[in-house]
PDB file of N, CA and C in Angstrom:
ATOM      1  N   MET A   1     148.484  85.406 105.629  1.00  0.00           N
ATOM      2  CA  MET A   1     147.970  86.448 105.269  1.00  0.00           C
ATOM      3  C   MET A   1     148.090  86.503 104.159  1.00  0.00           C
ATOM      4  N   GLY A   2     147.114  86.810 103.323  1.00  0.00           N
ATOM      5  CA  GLY A   2     147.076  87.400 101.417  1.00  0.00           C
ATOM      6  C   GLY A   2     148.071  88.674 101.298  1.00  0.00           C
ATOM      7  N   LYS A   3     148.812  87.993 100.300  1.00  0.00           N
ATOM      8  CA  LYS A   3     149.350  89.150 100.107  1.00  0.00           C
ATOM      9  C   LYS A   3     148.720  89.289  98.128  1.00  0.00           C
ATOM     10  N   TYR A   4     149.123  90.464  97.400  1.00  0.00           N
ATOM     11  CA  TYR A   4     148.764  89.991  96.307  1.00  0.00           C
ATOM     12  C   TYR A   4     150.419  89.632  95.452  1.00  0.00           C
ATOM     13  N   ILE A   5     150.944  89.364  94.249  1.00  0.00           N
ATOM     14  CA  ILE A   5     151.460  89.092  93.776  1.00  0.00           C
ATOM     15  C   ILE A   5     151.958  90.318  92.793  1.00  0.00           C
ATOM     16  N   GLU A   6     153.213  90.746  92.833  1.00  0.00           N
ATOM     17  CA  GLU A   6     153.411  91.301  91.599  1.00  0.00           C
ATOM     18  C   GLU A   6     154.051  90.925  90.327  1.00  0.00           C
ATOM     19  N   LEU A   7     153.897  90.959  89.541  1.00  0.00           N
ATOM     20  CA  LEU A   7     153.898  90.504  87.934  1.00  0.00           C
ATOM     21  C   LEU A   7     154.682  91.164  87.341  1.00  0.00           C
ATOM     22  N   THR A   8     155.807  91.112  86.489  1.00  0.00           N
ATOM     23  CA  THR A   8     157.371  90.981  85.768  1.00  0.00           C
ATOM     24  C   THR A   8     156.550  90.402  84.817  1.00  0.00           C
ATOM     25  N   ASN A   9     157.719  90.641  83.620  1.00  0.00           N
ATOM     26  CA  ASN A   9     157.501  89.361  81.975  1.00  0.00           C
ATOM     27  C   ASN A   9     158.026  88.435  83.025  1.00  0.00           C
ATOM     28  N   ASP A  10     159.228  88.398  84.311  1.00  0.00           N
ATOM     29  CA  ASP A  10     159.664  86.991  84.419  1.00  0.00           C
ATOM     30  C   ASP A  10     158.485  85.791  85.082  1.00  0.00           C
ATOM     31  N   ASN A  11     157.701  86.541  85.829  1.00  0.00           N
ATOM     32  CA  ASN A  11     157.296  85.572  86.707  1.00  0.00           C
ATOM     33  C   ASN A  11     155.277  85.032  86.318  1.00  0.00           C
ATOM     34  N   PHE A  12     154.966  86.334  84.717  1.00  0.00           N
ATOM     35  CA  PHE A  12     153.329  86.258  84.573  1.00  0.00           C
ATOM     36  C   PHE A  12     153.151  85.253  84.085  1.00  0.00           C
ATOM     37  N   ASP A  13     153.859  84.538  82.694  1.00  0.00           N
ATOM     38  CA  ASP A  13     153.488  83.059  82.923  1.00  0.00           C
ATOM     39  C   ASP A  13     152.709  82.122  83.743  1.00  0.00           C
ATOM     40  N   ALA A  14     153.892  81.954  84.355  1.00  0.00           N
ATOM     41  CA  ALA A  14     153.985  80.960  85.643  1.00  0.00           C
ATOM     42  C   ALA A  14     153.016  81.273  86.806  1.00  0.00           C
ATOM     43  N   THR A  15     152.255  82.780  86.738  1.00  0.00           N
ATOM     44  CA  THR A  15     151.758  82.733  87.782  1.00  0.00           C
ATOM     45  C   THR A  15     150.636  82.446  87.509  1.00  0.00           C
ATOM     46  N   VAL A  16     150.326  82.872  86.316  1.00  0.00           N
ATOM     47  CA  VAL A  16     148.661  82.959  85.961  1.00  0.00           C
ATOM     48  C   VAL A  16     148.417  81.543  85.464  1.00  0.00           C
ATOM     49  N   LYS A  17     148.812  80.276  84.669  1.00  0.00           N
ATOM     50  CA  LYS A  17     148.647  79.041  84.149  1.00  0.00           C
ATOM     51  C   LYS A  17     147.122  78.454  84.044  1.00  0.00           C
ATOM     52  N   GLU A  18     147.571  78.294  85.591  1.00  0.00           N
ATOM     53  CA  GLU A  18     146.748  77.407  86.373  1.00  0.00           C
ATOM     54  C   GLU A  18     145.303  78.183  87.124  1.00  0.00           C
ATOM     55  N   GLY A  19     144.331  77.827  87.870  1.00  0.00           N
ATOM     56  CA  GLY A  19     143.728  78.263  88.211  1.00  0.00           C
ATOM     57  C   GLY A  19     142.903  79.886  87.978  1.00  0.00           C
ATOM     58  N   VAL A  20     142.438  80.997  88.748  1.00  0.00           N
ATOM     59  CA  VAL A  20     141.790  81.994  89.045  1.00  0.00           C
ATOM     60  C   VAL A  20     142.715  83.254  88.932  1.00  0.00           C
ATOM     61  N   SER A  21     142.531  83.938  88.215  1.00  0.00           N
ATOM     62  CA  SER A  21     143.991  85.031  88.380  1.00  0.00           C
ATOM     63  C   SER A  21     143.267  86.318  87.436  1.00  0.00           C
ATOM     64  N   LEU A  22     143.574  87.126  88.715  1.00  0.00           N
ATOM     65  CA  LEU A  22     142.436  88.431  88.944  1.00  0.00           C
ATOM     66  C   LEU A  22     144.266  89.414  88.901  1.00  0.00           C
ATOM     67  N   VAL A  23     143.894  90.417  87.558  1.00  0.00           N
ATOM     68  CA  VAL A  23     145.571  90.874  86.961  1.00  0.00           C
ATOM     69  C   VAL A  23     145.230  92.616  87.473  1.00  0.00           C
ATOM     70  N   ASP A  24     145.545  93.462  87.978  1.00  0.00           N
ATOM     71  CA  ASP A  24     145.378  94.624  88.076  1.00  0.00           C
ATOM     72  C   ASP A  24     145.998  94.993  87.396  1.00  0.00           C
ATOM     73  N   PHE A  25     146.150  95.957  86.293  1.00  0.00           N
ATOM     74  CA  PHE A  25     147.193  96.828  85.906  1.00  0.00           C
ATOM     75  C   PHE A  25     147.272  98.114  85.926  1.00  0.00           C
ATOM     76  N   TRP A  26     148.040  98.945  86.553  1.00  0.00           N
ATOM     77  CA  TRP A  26     147.535 100.344  87.987  1.00  0.00           C
ATOM     78  C   TRP A  26     149.155 100.972  87.530  1.00  0.00           C
ATOM     79  N   ALA A  27     149.708 102.415  87.753  1.00  0.00           N
ATOM     80  CA  ALA A  27     150.209 103.175  87.988  1.00  0.00           C
ATOM     81  C   ALA A  27     150.369 103.580  88.639  1.00  0.00           C
ATOM     82  N   PRO A  28     151.935 104.111  89.364  1.00  0.00           N
ATOM     83  CA  PRO A  28     151.739 104.965  90.875  1.00  0.00           C
ATOM     84  C   PRO A  28     151.061 105.994  91.476  1.00  0.00           C
ATOM     85  N   TRP A  29     151.651 107.014  90.077  1.00  0.00           N
ATOM     86  CA  TRP A  29     150.417 108.032  89.499  1.00  0.00           C
ATOM     87  C   TRP A  29     149.202 108.524  89.599  1.00  0.00           C
ATOM     88  N   CYS A  30     148.349 107.293  89.186  1.00  0.00           N
ATOM     89  CA  CYS A  30     146.723 107.320  88.927  1.00  0.00           C
ATOM     90  C   CYS A  30     146.274 106.928  90.133  1.00  0.00           C
ATOM     91  N   GLY A  31     145.463 108.280  90.144  1.00  0.00           N
ATOM     92  CA  GLY A  31     144.583 108.195  91.159  1.00  0.00           C
ATOM     93  C   GLY A  31     143.640 107.321  91.592  1.00  0.00           C
ATOM     94  N   PRO A  32     142.518 106.733  90.858  1.00  0.00           N
ATOM     95  CA  PRO A  32     141.703 105.844  90.946  1.00  0.00           C
ATOM     96  C   PRO A  32     142.358 104.375  91.568  1.00  0.00           C
ATOM     97  N   CYS A  33     143.745 103.966  90.274  1.00  0.00           N
ATOM     98  CA  CYS A  33     144.479 102.926  91.324  1.00  0.00           C
ATOM     99  C   CYS A  33     145.078 102.611  92.218  1.00  0.00           C
ATOM    100  N   ARG A  34     144.667 104.292  93.220  1.00  0.00           N
ATOM    101  CA  ARG A  34     145.816 104.551  94.489  1.00  0.00           C
ATOM    102  C   ARG A  34     144.306 103.982  95.510  1.00  0.00           C
ATOM    103  N   MET A  35     143.029 104.026  94.400  1.00  0.00           N
ATOM    104  CA  MET A  35     141.785 104.156  95.195  1.00  0.00           C
ATOM    105  C   MET A  35     141.601 102.699  95.354  1.00  0.00           C
ATOM    106  N   LEU A  36     141.623 102.370  94.360  1.00  0.00           N
ATOM    107  CA  LEU A  36     141.270 100.256  94.307  1.00  0.00           C
ATOM    108  C   LEU A  36     143.117  99.559  95.359  1.00  0.00           C
ATOM    109  N   ALA A  37     143.459 100.116  95.461  1.00  0.00           N
ATOM    110  CA  ALA A  37     145.153  99.458  96.161  1.00  0.00           C
ATOM    111  C   ALA A  37     144.594  98.395  97.095  1.00  0.00           C
ATOM    112  N   PRO A  38     143.738  99.271  98.671  1.00  0.00           N
ATOM    113  CA  PRO A  38     143.670  98.476  99.510  1.00  0.00           C
ATOM    114  C   PRO A  38     141.959  97.654  99.118  1.00  0.00           C
ATOM    115  N   VAL A  39     141.566  97.218  98.492  1.00  0.00           N
ATOM    116  CA  VAL A  39     140.521  96.749  97.881  1.00  0.00           C
ATOM    117  C   VAL A  39     141.353  95.367  97.225  1.00  0.00           C
ATOM    118  N   ILE A  40     142.168  95.188  96.240  1.00  0.00           N
ATOM    119  CA  ILE A  40     142.957  94.578  95.672  1.00  0.00           C
ATOM    120  C   ILE A  40     143.630  93.712  97.334  1.00  0.00           C
ATOM    121  N   ASP A  41     144.026  94.684  98.045  1.00  0.00           N
ATOM    122  CA  ASP A  41     144.893  93.704  99.118  1.00  0.00           C
ATOM    123  C   ASP A  41     143.564  93.058  99.958  1.00  0.00           C
ATOM    124  N   GLU A  42     142.378  93.923  99.915  1.00  0.00           N
ATOM    125  CA  GLU A  42     141.681  92.750 100.709  1.00  0.00           C
ATOM    126  C   GLU A  42     141.507  91.429 100.338  1.00  0.00           C
ATOM    127  N   LEU A  43     140.788  91.474  98.532  1.00  0.00           N
ATOM    128  CA  LEU A  43     140.930  90.381  97.837  1.00  0.00           C
ATOM    129  C   LEU A  43     141.630  89.267  98.119  1.00  0.00           C
ATOM    130  N   ALA A  44     143.211  89.974  97.920  1.00  0.00           N
ATOM    131  CA  ALA A  44     144.470  88.904  97.668  1.00  0.00           C
ATOM    132  C   ALA A  44     143.888  88.173  99.082  1.00  0.00           C
ATOM    133  N   GLU A  45     144.046  88.517 100.546  1.00  0.00           N
ATOM    134  CA  GLU A  45     143.674  87.634 101.602  1.00  0.00           C
ATOM    135  C   GLU A  45     142.218  87.093 101.281  1.00  0.00           C
ATOM    136  N   ASP A  46     141.328  87.625 101.389  1.00  0.00           N
ATOM    137  CA  ASP A  46     139.976  86.734 101.313  1.00  0.00           C
ATOM    138  C   ASP A  46     139.891  85.354  99.696  1.00  0.00           C
ATOM    139  N   PHE A  47     140.859  85.323  99.108  1.00  0.00           N
ATOM    140  CA  PHE A  47     141.000  84.694  98.361  1.00  0.00           C
ATOM    141  C   PHE A  47     142.361  83.612  98.334  1.00  0.00           C
ATOM    142  N   ASP A  48     142.950  83.961  99.163  1.00  0.00           N
ATOM    143  CA  ASP A  48     144.715  83.256 100.077  1.00  0.00           C
ATOM    144  C   ASP A  48     143.871  82.102  99.232  1.00  0.00           C
ATOM    145  N   GLY A  49     145.245  81.335  98.328  1.00  0.00           N
ATOM    146  CA  GLY A  49     145.136  79.419  97.867  1.00  0.00           C
ATOM    147  C   GLY A  49     144.269  79.229  97.294  1.00  0.00           C
ATOM    148  N   LYS A  50     142.793  80.598  96.904  1.00  0.00           N
ATOM    149  CA  LYS A  50     141.628  80.305  96.068  1.00  0.00           C
ATOM    150  C   LYS A  50     142.122  81.029  94.474  1.00  0.00           C
ATOM    151  N   ALA A  51     142.114  81.958  94.415  1.00  0.00           N
ATOM    152  CA  ALA A  51     142.523  82.886  93.373  1.00  0.00           C
ATOM    153  C   ALA A  51     143.872  83.404  93.769  1.00  0.00           C
ATOM    154  N   ASN A  52     144.847  83.993  92.057  1.00  0.00           N
ATOM    155  CA  ASN A  52     145.968  84.786  92.417  1.00  0.00           C
ATOM    156  C   ASN A  52     145.419  86.021  92.110  1.00  0.00           C
ATOM    157  N   ILE A  53     145.486  86.828  93.218  1.00  0.00           N
ATOM    158  CA  ILE A  53     145.472  88.498  93.427  1.00  0.00           C
ATOM    159  C   ILE A  53     146.062  89.270  92.690  1.00  0.00           C
ATOM    160  N   CYS A  54     146.181  89.560  92.265  1.00  0.00           N
ATOM    161  CA  CYS A  54     148.041  90.232  90.925  1.00  0.00           C
ATOM    162  C   CYS A  54     147.640  91.357  90.372  1.00  0.00           C
ATOM    163  N   LYS A  55     149.219  92.540  90.798  1.00  0.00           N
ATOM    164  CA  LYS A  55     149.509  93.651  90.269  1.00  0.00           C
ATOM    165  C   LYS A  55     150.360  93.823  88.900  1.00  0.00           C
ATOM    166  N   VAL A  56     149.811  95.071  88.159  1.00  0.00           N
ATOM    167  CA  VAL A  56     151.949  95.065  87.447  1.00  0.00           C
ATOM    168  C   VAL A  56     151.802  96.309  87.306  1.00  0.00           C
ATOM    169  N   ASN A  57     152.063  96.757  87.396  1.00  0.00           N
ATOM    170  CA  ASN A  57     152.864  98.152  87.069  1.00  0.00           C
ATOM    171  C   ASN A  57     153.037  98.603  86.078  1.00  0.00           C
ATOM    172  N   THR A  58     152.271  99.373  85.064  1.00  0.00           N
ATOM    173  CA  THR A  58     152.254 100.011  83.922  1.00  0.00           C
ATOM    174  C   THR A  58     153.720 100.465  83.568  1.00  0.00           C
ATOM    175  N   ASP A  59     154.314 101.269  84.329  1.00  0.00           N
ATOM    176  CA  ASP A  59     155.735 102.138  84.629  1.00  0.00           C
ATOM    177  C   ASP A  59     156.237 100.875  83.713  1.00  0.00           C
ATOM    178  N   GLU A  60     156.843 100.464  84.833  1.00  0.00           N
ATOM    179  CA  GLU A  60     157.791  99.222  84.947  1.00  0.00           C
ATOM    180  C   GLU A  60     156.961  97.951  84.224  1.00  0.00           C
ATOM    181  N   GLN A  61     156.358  97.803  83.459  1.00  0.00           N
ATOM    182  CA  GLN A  61     156.369  96.282  82.746  1.00  0.00           C
ATOM    183  C   GLN A  61     155.198  96.993  81.281  1.00  0.00           C
ATOM    184  N   GLN A  62     155.974  98.040  80.673  1.00  0.00           N
ATOM    185  CA  GLN A  62     155.272  98.043  79.292  1.00  0.00           C
ATOM    186  C   GLN A  62     154.760  96.895  78.552  1.00  0.00           C
ATOM    187  N   ASP A  63     156.016  96.107  78.135  1.00  0.00           N
ATOM    188  CA  ASP A  63     155.390  95.112  77.354  1.00  0.00           C
ATOM    189  C   ASP A  63     154.230  94.091  77.473  1.00  0.00           C
ATOM    190  N   LEU A  64     154.226  93.769  79.276  1.00  0.00           N
ATOM    191  CA  LEU A  64     152.572  93.234  79.681  1.00  0.00           C
ATOM    192  C   LEU A  64     151.714  94.322  79.039  1.00  0.00           C
ATOM    193  N   ALA A  65     151.655  95.260  79.284  1.00  0.00           N
ATOM    194  CA  ALA A  65     150.078  96.327  78.890  1.00  0.00           C
ATOM    195  C   ALA A  65     149.760  96.237  78.261  1.00  0.00           C
ATOM    196  N   VAL A  66     150.977  96.242  76.839  1.00  0.00           N
ATOM    197  CA  VAL A  66     150.782  96.103  75.445  1.00  0.00           C
ATOM    198  C   VAL A  66     150.493  95.137  74.615  1.00  0.00           C
ATOM    199  N   LYS A  67     150.838  93.820  75.516  1.00  0.00           N
ATOM    200  CA  LYS A  67     150.483  92.457  75.212  1.00  0.00           C
ATOM    201  C   LYS A  67     148.939  92.157  75.798  1.00  0.00           C
ATOM    202  N   TYR A  68     148.854  93.402  76.593  1.00  0.00           N
ATOM    203  CA  TYR A  68     147.270  92.999  77.495  1.00  0.00           C
ATOM    204  C   TYR A  68     145.871  93.584  76.952  1.00  0.00           C
ATOM    205  N   GLY A  69     146.372  94.783  75.429  1.00  0.00           N
ATOM    206  CA  GLY A  69     145.739  95.754  75.216  1.00  0.00           C
ATOM    207  C   GLY A  69     145.605  96.491  76.055  1.00  0.00           C
ATOM    208  N   VAL A  70     146.137  96.924  77.497  1.00  0.00           N
ATOM    209  CA  VAL A  70     145.444  98.022  78.678  1.00  0.00           C
ATOM    210  C   VAL A  70     145.819  99.449  77.658  1.00  0.00           C
ATOM    211  N   ARG A  71     145.065 100.338  77.819  1.00  0.00           N
ATOM    212  CA  ARG A  71     145.242 101.497  76.889  1.00  0.00           C
ATOM    213  C   ARG A  71     144.240 102.412  78.718  1.00  0.00           C
ATOM    214  N   SER A  72     144.129 102.238  79.186  1.00  0.00           N
ATOM    215  CA  SER A  72     143.857 103.343  80.576  1.00  0.00           C
ATOM    216  C   SER A  72     143.643 102.358  81.172  1.00  0.00           C
ATOM    217  N   ILE A  73     144.036 103.056  82.379  1.00  0.00           N
ATOM    218  CA  ILE A  73     144.332 102.814  84.149  1.00  0.00           C
ATOM    219  C   ILE A  73     143.355 102.869  85.271  1.00  0.00           C
ATOM    220  N   PRO A  74     143.004 102.103  85.710  1.00  0.00           N
ATOM    221  CA  PRO A  74     143.128 100.716  86.402  1.00  0.00           C
ATOM    222  C   PRO A  74     142.405  99.841  85.134  1.00  0.00           C
ATOM    223  N   THR A  75     143.236  98.956  84.692  1.00  0.00           N
ATOM    224  CA  THR A  75     142.323  97.888  83.823  1.00  0.00           C
ATOM    225  C   THR A  75     142.589  96.378  85.166  1.00  0.00           C
ATOM    226  N   ILE A  76     141.190  96.044  85.270  1.00  0.00           N
ATOM    227  CA  ILE A  76     141.663  94.555  85.778  1.00  0.00           C
ATOM    228  C   ILE A  76     141.398  93.445  84.673  1.00  0.00           C
ATOM    229  N   VAL A  77     141.882  92.789  84.390  1.00  0.00           N
ATOM    230  CA  VAL A  77     141.871  91.096  83.447  1.00  0.00           C
ATOM    231  C   VAL A  77     141.512  89.880  84.781  1.00  0.00           C
ATOM    232  N   PHE A  78     140.701  89.342  84.108  1.00  0.00           N
ATOM    233  CA  PHE A  78     140.116  88.298  84.754  1.00  0.00           C
ATOM    234  C   PHE A  78     140.842  86.573  84.203  1.00  0.00           C
ATOM    235  N   MET A  79     141.394  85.913  83.963  1.00  0.00           N
ATOM    236  CA  MET A  79     142.171  84.914  83.736  1.00  0.00           C
ATOM    237  C   MET A  79     141.729  83.461  84.343  1.00  0.00           C
ATOM    238  N   LYS A  80     141.430  82.618  83.345  1.00  0.00           N
ATOM    239  CA  LYS A  80     141.501  81.242  83.861  1.00  0.00           C
ATOM    240  C   LYS A  80     142.322  80.450  83.208  1.00  0.00           C
ATOM    241  N   ASP A  81     143.225  79.560  84.040  1.00  0.00           N
ATOM    242  CA  ASP A  81     143.714  78.881  82.850  1.00  0.00           C
ATOM    243  C   ASP A  81     144.819  79.549  81.908  1.00  0.00           C
ATOM    244  N   GLY A  82     144.965  80.959  82.305  1.00  0.00           N
ATOM    245  CA  GLY A  82     146.104  81.455  81.802  1.00  0.00           C
ATOM    246  C   GLY A  82     145.850  82.049  80.320  1.00  0.00           C
ATOM    247  N   GLU A  83     144.039  81.746  80.201  1.00  0.00           N
ATOM    248  CA  GLU A  83     143.364  82.864  79.061  1.00  0.00           C
ATOM    249  C   GLU A  83     142.284  83.680  79.441  1.00  0.00           C
ATOM    250  N   VAL A  84     142.543  84.796  79.094  1.00  0.00           N
ATOM    251  CA  VAL A  84     141.738  86.381  79.662  1.00  0.00           C
ATOM    252  C   VAL A  84     140.472  86.013  79.331  1.00  0.00           C
ATOM    253  N   VAL A  85     138.898  85.986  80.343  1.00  0.00           N
ATOM    254  CA  VAL A  85     137.892  86.030  80.638  1.00  0.00           C
ATOM    255  C   VAL A  85     137.170  86.783  80.439  1.00  0.00           C
ATOM    256  N   ASP A  86     138.013  87.835  81.179  1.00  0.00           N
ATOM    257  CA  ASP A  86     136.852  89.007  80.946  1.00  0.00           C
ATOM    258  C   ASP A  86     138.382  90.357  81.177  1.00  0.00           C
ATOM    259  N   THR A  87     137.598  91.196  80.844  1.00  0.00           N
ATOM    260  CA  THR A  87     138.277  92.656  81.415  1.00  0.00           C
ATOM    261  C   THR A  87     137.249  94.005  81.786  1.00  0.00           C
ATOM    262  N   LEU A  88     137.723  94.422  82.837  1.00  0.00           N
ATOM    263  CA  LEU A  88     137.216  95.571  83.960  1.00  0.00           C
ATOM    264  C   LEU A  88     137.930  96.806  83.218  1.00  0.00           C
ATOM    265  N   VAL A  89     137.699  98.276  83.078  1.00  0.00           N
ATOM    266  CA  VAL A  89     138.371  99.234  83.393  1.00  0.00           C
ATOM    267  C   VAL A  89     137.588 100.241  84.117  1.00  0.00           C
ATOM    268  N   GLY A  90     138.497 100.737  85.400  1.00  0.00           N
ATOM    269  CA  GLY A  90     138.371 101.767  85.969  1.00  0.00           C
ATOM    270  C   GLY A  90     137.971 101.182  87.281  1.00  0.00           C
ATOM    271  N   ALA A  91     138.241 102.000  88.271  1.00  0.00           N
ATOM    272  CA  ALA A  91     138.471 101.396  89.656  1.00  0.00           C
ATOM    273  C   ALA A  91     136.316 100.782  90.182  1.00  0.00           C
ATOM    274  N   GLN A  92     136.532  99.618  90.565  1.00  0.00           N
ATOM    275  CA  GLN A  92     135.982  98.772  90.620  1.00  0.00           C
ATOM    276  C   GLN A  92     135.436  98.439  92.051  1.00  0.00           C
ATOM    277  N   SER A  93     133.872  98.232  92.622  1.00  0.00           N
ATOM    278  CA  SER A  93     133.522  97.349  94.080  1.00  0.00           C
ATOM    279  C   SER A  93     134.536  96.625  94.622  1.00  0.00           C
ATOM    280  N   LYS A  94     134.421  96.004  95.950  1.00  0.00           N
ATOM    281  CA  LYS A  94     135.638  95.081  96.002  1.00  0.00           C
ATOM    282  C   LYS A  94     134.273  93.928  95.671  1.00  0.00           C
ATOM    283  N   GLN A  95     132.845  93.966  96.202  1.00  0.00           N
ATOM    284  CA  GLN A  95     131.581  92.947  95.474  1.00  0.00           C
ATOM    285  C   GLN A  95     132.062  92.538  94.316  1.00  0.00           C
ATOM    286  N   ALA A  96     131.649  94.080  93.320  1.00  0.00           N
ATOM    287  CA  ALA A  96     131.697  93.537  91.728  1.00  0.00           C
ATOM    288  C   ALA A  96     133.496  92.622  91.483  1.00  0.00           C
ATOM    289  N   LEU A  97     134.003  92.845  92.410  1.00  0.00           N
ATOM    290  CA  LEU A  97     135.344  92.348  92.206  1.00  0.00           C
ATOM    291  C   LEU A  97     135.380  90.586  92.204  1.00  0.00           C
ATOM    292  N   ALA A  98     135.114  90.348  93.973  1.00  0.00           N
ATOM    293  CA  ALA A  98     134.767  88.846  94.462  1.00  0.00           C
ATOM    294  C   ALA A  98     133.713  88.274  93.745  1.00  0.00           C
ATOM    295  N   ASP A  99     132.156  88.913  93.315  1.00  0.00           N
ATOM    296  CA  ASP A  99     131.642  88.513  92.260  1.00  0.00           C
ATOM    297  C   ASP A  99     132.477  88.075  91.223  1.00  0.00           C
ATOM    298  N   LYS A 100     132.566  89.015  90.731  1.00  0.00           N
ATOM    299  CA  LYS A 100     133.299  88.075  88.800  1.00  0.00           C
ATOM    300  C   LYS A 100     134.398  86.724  89.176  1.00  0.00           C
ATOM    301  N   ILE A 101     135.362  86.660  90.533  1.00  0.00           N
ATOM    302  CA  ILE A 101     136.034  85.628  90.437  1.00  0.00           C
ATOM    303  C   ILE A 101     135.321  84.323  91.197  1.00  0.00           C
ATOM    304  N   ASN A 102     134.348  84.684  92.212  1.00  0.00           N
ATOM    305  CA  ASN A 102     133.284  83.860  92.442  1.00  0.00           C
ATOM    306  C   ASN A 102     132.538  83.282  91.330  1.00  0.00           C
ATOM    307  N   SER A 103     132.650  83.650  89.846  1.00  0.00           N
ATOM    308  CA  SER A 103     132.198  83.568  88.918  1.00  0.00           C
ATOM    309  C   SER A 103     132.614  82.228  88.260  1.00  0.00           C
ATOM    310  N   LEU A 104     133.930  82.586  88.178  1.00  0.00           N
ATOM    311  CA  LEU A 104     135.026  81.670  87.456  1.00  0.00           C
ATOM    312  C   LEU A 104     135.804  80.281  88.675  1.00  0.00           C
TER     313      LEU A 104
END
């Protein structure tokens, strides 16, 4: 069963350097982030072994939020081999996110 990867400064670069990664920048107090959480969990199962489905708690990892220009949450950053290829801000549908991962 797939599970998303909780990213920190320590494991971020190593985790996203190869393949496709979806990184959800979120915070516990953010309503839309909580609505998106079950979608992220489902994507982690659907793409287990095919893509990295990751979350960054912006309260705990402010350096990463600043580095990736996260100004509002939820922000979803799509990466391929460590490079940012697209960014979506706000709650998204599972299908929209899955389609984006598949296109990479």
